[in-house]
Amino acid sequence: MSALPQQELPRPGGFPEIRYKRYIPKVGPSGLVLFSGITLMCTLGLYRTGQGNHERRELHREKVWSRIHLVPLLQAEADRDTYRREVAAKEREAEVMKDVKDWKVGESVYNSKRYTPQSFVVVP
């Protein structure tokens, strides 16, 4: 007779448990912490953008008002320069036309009492 076959049995205490679940370690901050951080950063960024816009608007306003206050000074300077050029032009005209009879120095060639500035500049 043959010997009875011996059946394989688990070892004493049993086999270890088979891991079939994903055991992903918890790494990093939670979703609430991430959402709060992003919200805080966006709020801070928008606040700083608003402050920059305010500063830029104030600088623009200051530049505009400085130009407004400089206009009379620049206009007076341009008037003095125009007057100086007109006097010099009349002196040159008197020198050139001294031999012409009945020539009136500085008389307008237009038939109008209105002031018309010279439309070109003669540079000697």
PDB file of N, CA and C in Angstrom:
ATOM      1  N   MET A   1       0.814  -1.167   0.000  1.00  0.00           N
ATOM      2  CA  MET A   1       0.000   0.000   0.000  1.00  0.00           C
ATOM      3  C   MET A   1       0.857   1.227   0.000  1.00  0.00           C
ATOM      4  N   SER A   2       0.294   2.089  -0.604  1.00  0.00           N
ATOM      5  CA  SER A   2       1.057   3.321  -0.676  1.00  0.00           C
ATOM      6  C   SER A   2       0.701   4.219   0.478  1.00  0.00           C
ATOM      7  N   ALA A   3       1.595   5.121   0.719  1.00  0.00           N
ATOM      8  CA  ALA A   3       1.371   6.050   1.842  1.00  0.00           C
ATOM      9  C   ALA A   3       0.363   7.119   1.421  1.00  0.00           C
ATOM     10  N   LEU A   4      -0.382   7.544   2.359  1.00  0.00           N
ATOM     11  CA  LEU A   4      -1.368   8.600   2.097  1.00  0.00           C
ATOM     12  C   LEU A   4      -0.626   9.909   1.802  1.00  0.00           C
ATOM     13  N   PRO A   5      -1.096  10.633   0.795  1.00  0.00           N
ATOM     14  CA  PRO A   5      -0.422  11.900   0.517  1.00  0.00           C
ATOM     15  C   PRO A   5      -0.640  12.906   1.629  1.00  0.00           C
ATOM     16  N   GLN A   6       0.382  13.626   1.900  1.00  0.00           N
ATOM     17  CA  GLN A   6       0.291  14.596   2.981  1.00  0.00           C
ATOM     18  C   GLN A   6      -0.118  15.940   2.373  1.00  0.00           C
ATOM     19  N   GLN A   7      -1.152  16.530   2.930  1.00  0.00           N
ATOM     20  CA  GLN A   7      -1.658  17.792   2.419  1.00  0.00           C
ATOM     21  C   GLN A   7      -0.846  18.923   3.007  1.00  0.00           C
ATOM     22  N   GLU A   8      -0.606  19.955   2.131  1.00  0.00           N
ATOM     23  CA  GLU A   8       0.124  21.115   2.610  1.00  0.00           C
ATOM     24  C   GLU A   8      -0.820  21.976   3.403  1.00  0.00           C
ATOM     25  N   LEU A   9      -0.428  22.357   4.548  1.00  0.00           N
ATOM     26  CA  LEU A   9      -1.247  23.183   5.425  1.00  0.00           C
ATOM     27  C   LEU A   9      -0.528  24.507   5.683  1.00  0.00           C
ATOM     28  N   PRO A  10      -1.289  25.518   6.057  1.00  0.00           N
ATOM     29  CA  PRO A  10      -0.622  26.781   6.391  1.00  0.00           C
ATOM     30  C   PRO A  10       0.250  26.613   7.608  1.00  0.00           C
ATOM     31  N   ARG A  11       1.249  27.430   7.661  1.00  0.00           N
ATOM     32  CA  ARG A  11       2.134  27.356   8.819  1.00  0.00           C
ATOM     33  C   ARG A  11       1.389  27.775  10.068  1.00  0.00           C
ATOM     34  N   PRO A  12       1.907  27.473  11.180  1.00  0.00           N
ATOM     35  CA  PRO A  12       1.209  27.844  12.413  1.00  0.00           C
ATOM     36  C   PRO A  12       1.116  29.365  12.535  1.00  0.00           C
ATOM     37  N   GLY A  13      -0.010  29.947  12.823  1.00  0.00           N
ATOM     38  CA  GLY A  13      -0.237  31.387  12.922  1.00  0.00           C
ATOM     39  C   GLY A  13      -0.792  31.949  11.616  1.00  0.00           C
ATOM     40  N   GLY A  14      -0.752  31.191  10.543  1.00  0.00           N
ATOM     41  CA  GLY A  14      -1.347  31.578   9.276  1.00  0.00           C
ATOM     42  C   GLY A  14      -0.408  32.372   8.384  1.00  0.00           C
ATOM     43  N   PHE A  15      -0.837  32.561   7.147  1.00  0.00           N
ATOM     44  CA  PHE A  15      -0.073  33.358   6.184  1.00  0.00           C
ATOM     45  C   PHE A  15      -0.275  34.850   6.479  1.00  0.00           C
ATOM     46  N   PRO A  16       0.709  35.679   6.111  1.00  0.00           N
ATOM     47  CA  PRO A  16       0.507  37.123   6.313  1.00  0.00           C
ATOM     48  C   PRO A  16      -0.602  37.629   5.378  1.00  0.00           C
ATOM     49  N   GLU A  17      -1.201  38.744   5.759  1.00  0.00           N
ATOM     50  CA  GLU A  17      -2.312  39.312   4.989  1.00  0.00           C
ATOM     51  C   GLU A  17      -1.783  39.859   3.652  1.00  0.00           C
ATOM     52  N   ILE A  18      -2.512  39.658   2.598  1.00  0.00           N
ATOM     53  CA  ILE A  18      -2.132  40.151   1.277  1.00  0.00           C
ATOM     54  C   ILE A  18      -2.594  41.601   1.159  1.00  0.00           C
ATOM     55  N   ARG A  19      -1.628  42.475   0.802  1.00  0.00           N
ATOM     56  CA  ARG A  19      -1.977  43.906   0.685  1.00  0.00           C
ATOM     57  C   ARG A  19      -2.516  44.170  -0.717  1.00  0.00           C
ATOM     58  N   TYR A  20      -3.757  44.492  -0.771  1.00  0.00           N
ATOM     59  CA  TYR A  20      -4.361  44.820  -2.048  1.00  0.00           C
ATOM     60  C   TYR A  20      -4.845  46.265  -2.090  1.00  0.00           C
ATOM     61  N   LYS A  21      -4.844  46.990  -0.971  1.00  0.00           N
ATOM     62  CA  LYS A  21      -5.235  48.394  -0.929  1.00  0.00           C
ATOM     63  C   LYS A  21      -4.006  49.259  -1.185  1.00  0.00           C
ATOM     64  N   ARG A  22      -4.250  50.497  -1.667  1.00  0.00           N
ATOM     65  CA  ARG A  22      -3.151  51.440  -1.878  1.00  0.00           C
ATOM     66  C   ARG A  22      -2.919  52.191  -0.577  1.00  0.00           C
ATOM     67  N   TYR A  23      -1.797  51.989   0.001  1.00  0.00           N
ATOM     68  CA  TYR A  23      -1.437  52.714   1.224  1.00  0.00           C
ATOM     69  C   TYR A  23      -0.515  53.868   0.826  1.00  0.00           C
ATOM     70  N   ILE A  24      -1.134  55.008   0.399  1.00  0.00           N
ATOM     71  CA  ILE A  24      -0.346  56.176   0.002  1.00  0.00           C
ATOM     72  C   ILE A  24      -0.119  57.012   1.246  1.00  0.00           C
ATOM     73  N   PRO A  25       1.133  57.274   1.540  1.00  0.00           N
ATOM     74  CA  PRO A  25       1.389  58.071   2.738  1.00  0.00           C
ATOM     75  C   PRO A  25       0.844  59.482   2.572  1.00  0.00           C
ATOM     76  N   LYS A  26       0.373  60.073   3.631  1.00  0.00           N
ATOM     77  CA  LYS A  26      -0.163  61.429   3.616  1.00  0.00           C
ATOM     78  C   LYS A  26       1.016  62.390   3.696  1.00  0.00           C
ATOM     79  N   VAL A  27       1.290  63.056   2.544  1.00  0.00           N
ATOM     80  CA  VAL A  27       2.427  63.972   2.459  1.00  0.00           C
ATOM     81  C   VAL A  27       1.901  65.337   2.061  1.00  0.00           C
ATOM     82  N   GLY A  28       2.388  66.389   2.689  1.00  0.00           N
ATOM     83  CA  GLY A  28       2.032  67.746   2.307  1.00  0.00           C
ATOM     84  C   GLY A  28       0.815  68.254   3.047  1.00  0.00           C
ATOM     85  N   PRO A  29       0.501  69.545   2.807  1.00  0.00           N
ATOM     86  CA  PRO A  29      -0.619  70.171   3.504  1.00  0.00           C
ATOM     87  C   PRO A  29      -1.965  69.681   2.959  1.00  0.00           C
ATOM     88  N   SER A  30      -2.973  69.884   3.754  1.00  0.00           N
ATOM     89  CA  SER A  30      -4.305  69.447   3.352  1.00  0.00           C
ATOM     90  C   SER A  30      -4.888  70.421   2.320  1.00  0.00           C
ATOM     91  N   GLY A  31      -5.987  70.041   1.728  1.00  0.00           N
ATOM     92  CA  GLY A  31      -6.634  70.884   0.727  1.00  0.00           C
ATOM     93  C   GLY A  31      -7.109  72.208   1.298  1.00  0.00           C
ATOM     94  N   LEU A  32      -7.593  72.191   2.533  1.00  0.00           N
ATOM     95  CA  LEU A  32      -8.062  73.421   3.169  1.00  0.00           C
ATOM     96  C   LEU A  32      -6.908  74.406   3.369  1.00  0.00           C
ATOM     97  N   VAL A  33      -5.756  73.880   3.768  1.00  0.00           N
ATOM     98  CA  VAL A  33      -4.586  74.745   3.967  1.00  0.00           C
ATOM     99  C   VAL A  33      -4.140  75.326   2.614  1.00  0.00           C
ATOM    100  N   LEU A  34      -4.124  74.511   1.562  1.00  0.00           N
ATOM    101  CA  LEU A  34      -3.750  75.006   0.236  1.00  0.00           C
ATOM    102  C   LEU A  34      -4.729  76.067  -0.255  1.00  0.00           C
ATOM    103  N   PHE A  35      -6.015  75.820  -0.127  1.00  0.00           N
ATOM    104  CA  PHE A  35      -7.025  76.780  -0.566  1.00  0.00           C
ATOM    105  C   PHE A  35      -6.901  78.094   0.201  1.00  0.00           C
ATOM    106  N   SER A  36      -6.688  77.985   1.529  1.00  0.00           N
ATOM    107  CA  SER A  36      -6.535  79.194   2.342  1.00  0.00           C
ATOM    108  C   SER A  36      -5.289  79.979   1.928  1.00  0.00           C
ATOM    109  N   GLY A  37      -4.201  79.269   1.673  1.00  0.00           N
ATOM    110  CA  GLY A  37      -2.966  79.947   1.255  1.00  0.00           C
ATOM    111  C   GLY A  37      -3.113  80.651  -0.082  1.00  0.00           C
ATOM    112  N   ILE A  38      -3.750  79.990  -1.043  1.00  0.00           N
ATOM    113  CA  ILE A  38      -3.946  80.601  -2.356  1.00  0.00           C
ATOM    114  C   ILE A  38      -4.860  81.814  -2.237  1.00  0.00           C
ATOM    115  N   THR A  39      -5.918  81.692  -1.445  1.00  0.00           N
ATOM    116  CA  THR A  39      -6.825  82.824  -1.244  1.00  0.00           C
ATOM    117  C   THR A  39      -6.089  84.005  -0.607  1.00  0.00           C
ATOM    118  N   LEU A  40      -5.255  83.731   0.369  1.00  0.00           N
ATOM    119  CA  LEU A  40      -4.484  84.782   1.031  1.00  0.00           C
ATOM    120  C   LEU A  40      -3.531  85.464   0.046  1.00  0.00           C
ATOM    121  N   MET A  41      -2.836  84.662  -0.768  1.00  0.00           N
ATOM    122  CA  MET A  41      -1.893  85.234  -1.729  1.00  0.00           C
ATOM    123  C   MET A  41      -2.615  86.081  -2.786  1.00  0.00           C
ATOM    124  N   CYS A  42      -3.769  85.612  -3.264  1.00  0.00           N
ATOM    125  CA  CYS A  42      -4.525  86.388  -4.258  1.00  0.00           C
ATOM    126  C   CYS A  42      -5.020  87.691  -3.650  1.00  0.00           C
ATOM    127  N   THR A  43      -5.498  87.627  -2.420  1.00  0.00           N
ATOM    128  CA  THR A  43      -5.982  88.841  -1.752  1.00  0.00           C
ATOM    129  C   THR A  43      -4.843  89.834  -1.573  1.00  0.00           C
ATOM    130  N   LEU A  44      -3.697  89.355  -1.122  1.00  0.00           N
ATOM    131  CA  LEU A  44      -2.546  90.230  -0.938  1.00  0.00           C
ATOM    132  C   LEU A  44      -2.091  90.827  -2.273  1.00  0.00           C
ATOM    133  N   GLY A  45      -2.072  90.016  -3.330  1.00  0.00           N
ATOM    134  CA  GLY A  45      -1.665  90.510  -4.642  1.00  0.00           C
ATOM    135  C   GLY A  45      -2.610  91.580  -5.175  1.00  0.00           C
ATOM    136  N   LEU A  46      -3.921  91.354  -5.021  1.00  0.00           N
ATOM    137  CA  LEU A  46      -4.882  92.351  -5.479  1.00  0.00           C
ATOM    138  C   LEU A  46      -4.783  93.632  -4.656  1.00  0.00           C
ATOM    139  N   TYR A  47      -4.507  93.512  -3.370  1.00  0.00           N
ATOM    140  CA  TYR A  47      -4.331  94.693  -2.525  1.00  0.00           C
ATOM    141  C   TYR A  47      -3.128  95.507  -2.982  1.00  0.00           C
ATOM    142  N   ARG A  48      -2.012  94.810  -3.237  1.00  0.00           N
ATOM    143  CA  ARG A  48      -0.807  95.510  -3.689  1.00  0.00           C
ATOM    144  C   ARG A  48      -1.006  96.134  -5.073  1.00  0.00           C
ATOM    145  N   THR A  49      -1.748  95.460  -5.940  1.00  0.00           N
ATOM    146  CA  THR A  49      -2.060  96.022  -7.254  1.00  0.00           C
ATOM    147  C   THR A  49      -2.880  97.296  -7.101  1.00  0.00           C
ATOM    148  N   GLY A  50      -3.851  97.276  -6.207  1.00  0.00           N
ATOM    149  CA  GLY A  50      -4.657  98.465  -5.949  1.00  0.00           C
ATOM    150  C   GLY A  50      -3.813  99.610  -5.416  1.00  0.00           C
ATOM    151  N   GLN A  51      -2.895  99.310  -4.512  1.00  0.00           N
ATOM    152  CA  GLN A  51      -2.012 100.348  -3.979  1.00  0.00           C
ATOM    153  C   GLN A  51      -1.130 100.924  -5.086  1.00  0.00           C
ATOM    154  N   GLY A  52      -0.617 100.056  -5.969  1.00  0.00           N
ATOM    155  CA  GLY A  52       0.204 100.531  -7.083  1.00  0.00           C
ATOM    156  C   GLY A  52      -0.592 101.409  -8.039  1.00  0.00           C
ATOM    157  N   ASN A  53      -1.842 101.026  -8.300  1.00  0.00           N
ATOM    158  CA  ASN A  53      -2.697 101.846  -9.168  1.00  0.00           C
ATOM    159  C   ASN A  53      -2.946 103.218  -8.548  1.00  0.00           C
ATOM    160  N   HIS A  54      -3.171 103.229  -7.247  1.00  0.00           N
ATOM    161  CA  HIS A  54      -3.393 104.498  -6.548  1.00  0.00           C
ATOM    162  C   HIS A  54      -2.147 105.390  -6.646  1.00  0.00           C
ATOM    163  N   GLU A  55      -0.985 104.806  -6.419  1.00  0.00           N
ATOM    164  CA  GLU A  55       0.269 105.565  -6.500  1.00  0.00           C
ATOM    165  C   GLU A  55       0.498 106.089  -7.921  1.00  0.00           C
ATOM    166  N   ARG A  56       0.246 105.241  -8.920  1.00  0.00           N
ATOM    167  CA  ARG A  56       0.428 105.658 -10.302  1.00  0.00           C
ATOM    168  C   ARG A  56      -0.530 106.788 -10.674  1.00  0.00           C
ATOM    169  N   ARG A  57      -1.762 106.710 -10.188  1.00  0.00           N
ATOM    170  CA  ARG A  57      -2.747 107.768 -10.454  1.00  0.00           C
ATOM    171  C   ARG A  57      -2.307 109.081  -9.814  1.00  0.00           C
ATOM    172  N   GLU A  58      -1.778 109.026  -8.598  1.00  0.00           N
ATOM    173  CA  GLU A  58      -1.299 110.238  -7.921  1.00  0.00           C
ATOM    174  C   GLU A  58      -0.112 110.844  -8.658  1.00  0.00           C
ATOM    175  N   LEU A  59       0.802 110.007  -9.138  1.00  0.00           N
ATOM    176  CA  LEU A  59       1.949 110.523  -9.891  1.00  0.00           C
ATOM    177  C   LEU A  59       1.498 111.167 -11.202  1.00  0.00           C
ATOM    178  N   HIS A  60       0.515 110.567 -11.851  1.00  0.00           N
ATOM    179  CA  HIS A  60      -0.009 111.149 -13.087  1.00  0.00           C
ATOM    180  C   HIS A  60      -0.676 112.497 -12.805  1.00  0.00           C
ATOM    181  N   ARG A  61      -1.466 112.552 -11.718  1.00  0.00           N
ATOM    182  CA  ARG A  61      -2.120 113.807 -11.348  1.00  0.00           C
ATOM    183  C   ARG A  61      -1.083 114.882 -11.052  1.00  0.00           C
ATOM    184  N   GLU A  62      -0.020 114.525 -10.341  1.00  0.00           N
ATOM    185  CA  GLU A  62       1.039 115.483 -10.020  1.00  0.00           C
ATOM    186  C   GLU A  62       1.732 115.978 -11.295  1.00  0.00           C
ATOM    187  N   LYS A  63       1.979 115.063 -12.250  1.00  0.00           N
ATOM    188  CA  LYS A  63       2.619 115.463 -13.502  1.00  0.00           C
ATOM    189  C   LYS A  63       1.717 116.417 -14.292  1.00  0.00           C
ATOM    190  N   VAL A  64       0.420 116.123 -14.337  1.00  0.00           N
ATOM    191  CA  VAL A  64      -0.511 116.980 -15.066  1.00  0.00           C
ATOM    192  C   VAL A  64      -0.555 118.371 -14.438  1.00  0.00           C
ATOM    193  N   TRP A  65      -0.657 118.432 -13.106  1.00  0.00           N
ATOM    194  CA  TRP A  65      -0.720 119.748 -12.450  1.00  0.00           C
ATOM    195  C   TRP A  65       0.591 120.514 -12.574  1.00  0.00           C
ATOM    196  N   SER A  66       1.719 119.807 -12.571  1.00  0.00           N
ATOM    197  CA  SER A  66       2.995 120.521 -12.756  1.00  0.00           C
ATOM    198  C   SER A  66       3.062 121.113 -14.159  1.00  0.00           C
ATOM    199  N   ARG A  67       2.544 120.384 -15.156  1.00  0.00           N
ATOM    200  CA  ARG A  67       2.518 120.932 -16.512  1.00  0.00           C
ATOM    201  C   ARG A  67       1.578 122.122 -16.597  1.00  0.00           C
ATOM    202  N   ILE A  68       0.429 122.031 -15.920  1.00  0.00           N
ATOM    203  CA  ILE A  68      -0.518 123.143 -15.930  1.00  0.00           C
ATOM    204  C   ILE A  68       0.126 124.393 -15.337  1.00  0.00           C
ATOM    205  N   HIS A  69       0.887 124.211 -14.260  1.00  0.00           N
ATOM    206  CA  HIS A  69       1.517 125.367 -13.620  1.00  0.00           C
ATOM    207  C   HIS A  69       2.721 125.887 -14.401  1.00  0.00           C
ATOM    208  N   LEU A  70       3.306 125.053 -15.267  1.00  0.00           N
ATOM    209  CA  LEU A  70       4.447 125.506 -16.057  1.00  0.00           C
ATOM    210  C   LEU A  70       4.036 126.222 -17.338  1.00  0.00           C
ATOM    211  N   VAL A  71       2.789 126.062 -17.769  1.00  0.00           N
ATOM    212  CA  VAL A  71       2.350 126.651 -19.035  1.00  0.00           C
ATOM    213  C   VAL A  71       2.554 128.166 -19.069  1.00  0.00           C
ATOM    214  N   PRO A  72       2.162 128.941 -18.041  1.00  0.00           N
ATOM    215  CA  PRO A  72       2.388 130.394 -18.120  1.00  0.00           C
ATOM    216  C   PRO A  72       3.866 130.762 -18.242  1.00  0.00           C
ATOM    217  N   LEU A  73       4.718 130.041 -17.537  1.00  0.00           N
ATOM    218  CA  LEU A  73       6.154 130.316 -17.613  1.00  0.00           C
ATOM    219  C   LEU A  73       6.680 130.031 -19.019  1.00  0.00           C
ATOM    220  N   LEU A  74       6.296 128.905 -19.578  1.00  0.00           N
ATOM    221  CA  LEU A  74       6.749 128.563 -20.925  1.00  0.00           C
ATOM    222  C   LEU A  74       6.166 129.512 -21.970  1.00  0.00           C
ATOM    223  N   GLN A  75       4.928 129.941 -21.770  1.00  0.00           N
ATOM    224  CA  GLN A  75       4.303 130.881 -22.703  1.00  0.00           C
ATOM    225  C   GLN A  75       5.006 132.232 -22.657  1.00  0.00           C
ATOM    226  N   ALA A  76       5.354 132.690 -21.441  1.00  0.00           N
ATOM    227  CA  ALA A  76       6.074 133.969 -21.314  1.00  0.00           C
ATOM    228  C   ALA A  76       7.447 133.876 -21.973  1.00  0.00           C
ATOM    229  N   GLU A  77       8.112 132.749 -21.817  1.00  0.00           N
ATOM    230  CA  GLU A  77       9.414 132.572 -22.443  1.00  0.00           C
ATOM    231  C   GLU A  77       9.282 132.590 -23.975  1.00  0.00           C
ATOM    232  N   ALA A  78       8.249 131.917 -24.490  1.00  0.00           N
ATOM    233  CA  ALA A  78       8.025 131.912 -25.936  1.00  0.00           C
ATOM    234  C   ALA A  78       7.677 133.311 -26.434  1.00  0.00           C
ATOM    235  N   ASP A  79       6.908 134.078 -25.649  1.00  0.00           N
ATOM    236  CA  ASP A  79       6.562 135.449 -26.043  1.00  0.00           C
ATOM    237  C   ASP A  79       7.804 136.335 -26.103  1.00  0.00           C
ATOM    238  N   ARG A  80       8.675 136.204 -25.097  1.00  0.00           N
ATOM    239  CA  ARG A  80       9.913 136.996 -25.111  1.00  0.00           C
ATOM    240  C   ARG A  80      10.775 136.643 -26.318  1.00  0.00           C
ATOM    241  N   ASP A  81      10.850 135.349 -26.644  1.00  0.00           N
ATOM    242  CA  ASP A  81      11.640 134.923 -27.786  1.00  0.00           C
ATOM    243  C   ASP A  81      11.037 135.453 -29.090  1.00  0.00           C
ATOM    244  N   THR A  82       9.706 135.399 -29.203  1.00  0.00           N
ATOM    245  CA  THR A  82       9.032 135.922 -30.403  1.00  0.00           C
ATOM    246  C   THR A  82       9.274 137.418 -30.552  1.00  0.00           C
ATOM    247  N   TYR A  83       9.160 138.148 -29.444  1.00  0.00           N
ATOM    248  CA  TYR A  83       9.397 139.605 -29.483  1.00  0.00           C
ATOM    249  C   TYR A  83      10.832 139.904 -29.919  1.00  0.00           C
ATOM    250  N   ARG A  84      11.786 139.176 -29.358  1.00  0.00           N
ATOM    251  CA  ARG A  84      13.191 139.387 -29.712  1.00  0.00           C
ATOM    252  C   ARG A  84      13.412 139.122 -31.194  1.00  0.00           C
ATOM    253  N   ARG A  85      12.806 138.052 -31.704  1.00  0.00           N
ATOM    254  CA  ARG A  85      12.967 137.726 -33.123  1.00  0.00           C
ATOM    255  C   ARG A  85      12.311 138.789 -34.021  1.00  0.00           C
ATOM    256  N   GLU A  86      11.135 139.294 -33.606  1.00  0.00           N
ATOM    257  CA  GLU A  86      10.453 140.315 -34.408  1.00  0.00           C
ATOM    258  C   GLU A  86      11.251 141.615 -34.440  1.00  0.00           C
ATOM    259  N   VAL A  87      11.825 142.011 -33.312  1.00  0.00           N
ATOM    260  CA  VAL A  87      12.643 143.228 -33.282  1.00  0.00           C
ATOM    261  C   VAL A  87      13.867 143.063 -34.178  1.00  0.00           C
ATOM    262  N   ALA A  88      14.496 141.881 -34.111  1.00  0.00           N
ATOM    263  CA  ALA A  88      15.667 141.635 -34.959  1.00  0.00           C
ATOM    264  C   ALA A  88      15.274 141.634 -36.437  1.00  0.00           C
ATOM    265  N   ALA A  89      14.094 141.074 -36.753  1.00  0.00           N
ATOM    266  CA  ALA A  89      13.634 141.047 -38.147  1.00  0.00           C
ATOM    267  C   ALA A  89      13.359 142.463 -38.646  1.00  0.00           C
ATOM    268  N   LYS A  90      12.779 143.318 -37.787  1.00  0.00           N
ATOM    269  CA  LYS A  90      12.515 144.714 -38.186  1.00  0.00           C
ATOM    270  C   LYS A  90      13.818 145.467 -38.416  1.00  0.00           C
ATOM    271  N   GLU A  91      14.809 145.203 -37.570  1.00  0.00           N
ATOM    272  CA  GLU A  91      16.113 145.858 -37.758  1.00  0.00           C
ATOM    273  C   GLU A  91      16.755 145.408 -39.069  1.00  0.00           C
ATOM    274  N   ARG A  92      16.668 144.127 -39.392  1.00  0.00           N
ATOM    275  CA  ARG A  92      17.215 143.646 -40.663  1.00  0.00           C
ATOM    276  C   ARG A  92      16.441 144.242 -41.841  1.00  0.00           C
ATOM    277  N   GLU A  93      15.109 144.322 -41.682  1.00  0.00           N
ATOM    278  CA  GLU A  93      14.284 144.911 -42.747  1.00  0.00           C
ATOM    279  C   GLU A  93      14.639 146.373 -42.965  1.00  0.00           C
ATOM    280  N   ALA A  94      14.853 147.105 -41.891  1.00  0.00           N
ATOM    281  CA  ALA A  94      15.225 148.523 -42.014  1.00  0.00           C
ATOM    282  C   ALA A  94      16.574 148.662 -42.699  1.00  0.00           C
ATOM    283  N   GLU A  95      17.493 147.757 -42.387  1.00  0.00           N
ATOM    284  CA  GLU A  95      18.817 147.825 -42.997  1.00  0.00           C
ATOM    285  C   GLU A  95      18.757 147.492 -44.488  1.00  0.00           C
ATOM    286  N   VAL A  96      17.984 146.481 -44.835  1.00  0.00           N
ATOM    287  CA  VAL A  96      17.905 146.062 -46.235  1.00  0.00           C
ATOM    288  C   VAL A  96      17.138 147.073 -47.076  1.00  0.00           C
ATOM    289  N   MET A  97      16.033 147.619 -46.550  1.00  0.00           N
ATOM    290  CA  MET A  97      15.147 148.483 -47.329  1.00  0.00           C
ATOM    291  C   MET A  97      15.407 149.971 -47.109  1.00  0.00           C
ATOM    292  N   LYS A  98      16.571 150.363 -46.624  1.00  0.00           N
ATOM    293  CA  LYS A  98      16.837 151.764 -46.313  1.00  0.00           C
ATOM    294  C   LYS A  98      16.857 152.656 -47.560  1.00  0.00           C
ATOM    295  N   ASP A  99      17.142 152.076 -48.721  1.00  0.00           N
ATOM    296  CA  ASP A  99      17.214 152.876 -49.948  1.00  0.00           C
ATOM    297  C   ASP A  99      15.882 152.953 -50.692  1.00  0.00           C
ATOM    298  N   VAL A 100      14.870 152.217 -50.232  1.00  0.00           N
ATOM    299  CA  VAL A 100      13.567 152.210 -50.915  1.00  0.00           C
ATOM    300  C   VAL A 100      12.725 153.346 -50.367  1.00  0.00           C
ATOM    301  N   LYS A 101      12.200 154.161 -51.281  1.00  0.00           N
ATOM    302  CA  LYS A 101      11.409 155.324 -50.888  1.00  0.00           C
ATOM    303  C   LYS A 101      10.015 154.860 -50.455  1.00  0.00           C
ATOM    304  N   ASP A 102       9.443 155.490 -49.477  1.00  0.00           N
ATOM    305  CA  ASP A 102       8.106 155.229 -48.935  1.00  0.00           C
ATOM    306  C   ASP A 102       7.942 153.820 -48.333  1.00  0.00           C
ATOM    307  N   TRP A 103       9.019 153.198 -47.938  1.00  0.00           N
ATOM    308  CA  TRP A 103       8.917 151.879 -47.289  1.00  0.00           C
ATOM    309  C   TRP A 103       8.754 152.070 -45.793  1.00  0.00           C
ATOM    310  N   LYS A 104       7.718 151.461 -45.238  1.00  0.00           N
ATOM    311  CA  LYS A 104       7.486 151.572 -43.794  1.00  0.00           C
ATOM    312  C   LYS A 104       7.920 150.267 -43.139  1.00  0.00           C
ATOM    313  N   VAL A 105       8.885 150.380 -42.265  1.00  0.00           N
ATOM    314  CA  VAL A 105       9.437 149.195 -41.603  1.00  0.00           C
ATOM    315  C   VAL A 105       8.404 148.627 -40.626  1.00  0.00           C
ATOM    316  N   GLY A 106       8.198 147.323 -40.705  1.00  0.00           N
ATOM    317  CA  GLY A 106       7.310 146.649 -39.774  1.00  0.00           C
ATOM    318  C   GLY A 106       5.848 146.702 -40.140  1.00  0.00           C
ATOM    319  N   GLU A 107       5.505 147.346 -41.260  1.00  0.00           N
ATOM    320  CA  GLU A 107       4.098 147.417 -41.653  1.00  0.00           C
ATOM    321  C   GLU A 107       3.652 146.052 -42.168  1.00  0.00           C
ATOM    322  N   SER A 108       2.460 145.669 -41.797  1.00  0.00           N
ATOM    323  CA  SER A 108       1.948 144.368 -42.178  1.00  0.00           C
ATOM    324  C   SER A 108       1.597 144.337 -43.649  1.00  0.00           C
ATOM    325  N   VAL A 109       1.828 143.213 -44.286  1.00  0.00           N
ATOM    326  CA  VAL A 109       1.470 143.053 -45.688  1.00  0.00           C
ATOM    327  C   VAL A 109       0.022 142.608 -45.833  1.00  0.00           C
ATOM    328  N   TYR A 110      -0.627 142.299 -44.715  1.00  0.00           N
ATOM    329  CA  TYR A 110      -2.028 141.883 -44.729  1.00  0.00           C
ATOM    330  C   TYR A 110      -2.924 143.104 -44.555  1.00  0.00           C
ATOM    331  N   ASN A 111      -4.110 143.057 -45.132  1.00  0.00           N
ATOM    332  CA  ASN A 111      -5.069 144.143 -44.998  1.00  0.00           C
ATOM    333  C   ASN A 111      -5.987 143.860 -43.810  1.00  0.00           C
ATOM    334  N   SER A 112      -5.401 143.787 -42.660  1.00  0.00           N
ATOM    335  CA  SER A 112      -6.173 143.472 -41.464  1.00  0.00           C
ATOM    336  C   SER A 112      -5.513 144.147 -40.270  1.00  0.00           C
ATOM    337  N   LYS A 113      -6.333 144.509 -39.294  1.00  0.00           N
ATOM    338  CA  LYS A 113      -5.788 145.115 -38.076  1.00  0.00           C
ATOM    339  C   LYS A 113      -5.378 144.027 -37.069  1.00  0.00           C
ATOM    340  N   ARG A 114      -5.722 142.809 -37.391  1.00  0.00           N
ATOM    341  CA  ARG A 114      -5.427 141.690 -36.501  1.00  0.00           C
ATOM    342  C   ARG A 114      -3.944 141.340 -36.529  1.00  0.00           C
ATOM    343  N   TYR A 115      -3.419 140.933 -35.355  1.00  0.00           N
ATOM    344  CA  TYR A 115      -2.015 140.539 -35.296  1.00  0.00           C
ATOM    345  C   TYR A 115      -1.842 139.163 -35.934  1.00  0.00           C
ATOM    346  N   THR A 116      -0.906 139.070 -36.855  1.00  0.00           N
ATOM    347  CA  THR A 116      -0.577 137.783 -37.463  1.00  0.00           C
ATOM    348  C   THR A 116       0.921 137.557 -37.298  1.00  0.00           C
ATOM    349  N   PRO A 117       1.277 136.512 -36.576  1.00  0.00           N
ATOM    350  CA  PRO A 117       2.703 136.247 -36.383  1.00  0.00           C
ATOM    351  C   PRO A 117       3.337 135.805 -37.692  1.00  0.00           C
ATOM    352  N   GLN A 118       4.643 135.907 -37.755  1.00  0.00           N
ATOM    353  CA  GLN A 118       5.348 135.483 -38.960  1.00  0.00           C
ATOM    354  C   GLN A 118       5.164 133.982 -39.146  1.00  0.00           C
ATOM    355  N   SER A 119       4.973 133.599 -40.396  1.00  0.00           N
ATOM    356  CA  SER A 119       4.749 132.181 -40.666  1.00  0.00           C
ATOM    357  C   SER A 119       6.046 131.446 -40.963  1.00  0.00           C
ATOM    358  N   PHE A 120       7.153 132.150 -41.020  1.00  0.00           N
ATOM    359  CA  PHE A 120       8.449 131.501 -41.197  1.00  0.00           C
ATOM    360  C   PHE A 120       9.489 132.284 -40.417  1.00  0.00           C
ATOM    361  N   VAL A 121      10.579 131.627 -40.108  1.00  0.00           N
ATOM    362  CA  VAL A 121      11.644 132.235 -39.326  1.00  0.00           C
ATOM    363  C   VAL A 121      12.857 132.385 -40.225  1.00  0.00           C
ATOM    364  N   VAL A 122      13.408 133.581 -40.245  1.00  0.00           N
ATOM    365  CA  VAL A 122      14.617 133.826 -41.033  1.00  0.00           C
ATOM    366  C   VAL A 122      15.792 133.725 -40.081  1.00  0.00           C
ATOM    367  N   VAL A 123      16.639 132.766 -40.334  1.00  0.00           N
ATOM    368  CA  VAL A 123      17.810 132.575 -39.500  1.00  0.00           C
ATOM    369  C   VAL A 123      19.007 133.170 -40.241  1.00  0.00           C
ATOM    370  N   PRO A 124      19.655 134.205 -39.662  1.00  0.00           N
ATOM    371  CA  PRO A 124      20.789 134.840 -40.348  1.00  0.00           C
ATOM    372  C   PRO A 124      22.009 133.945 -40.397  1.00  0.00           C
TER     373      PRO A 124
END
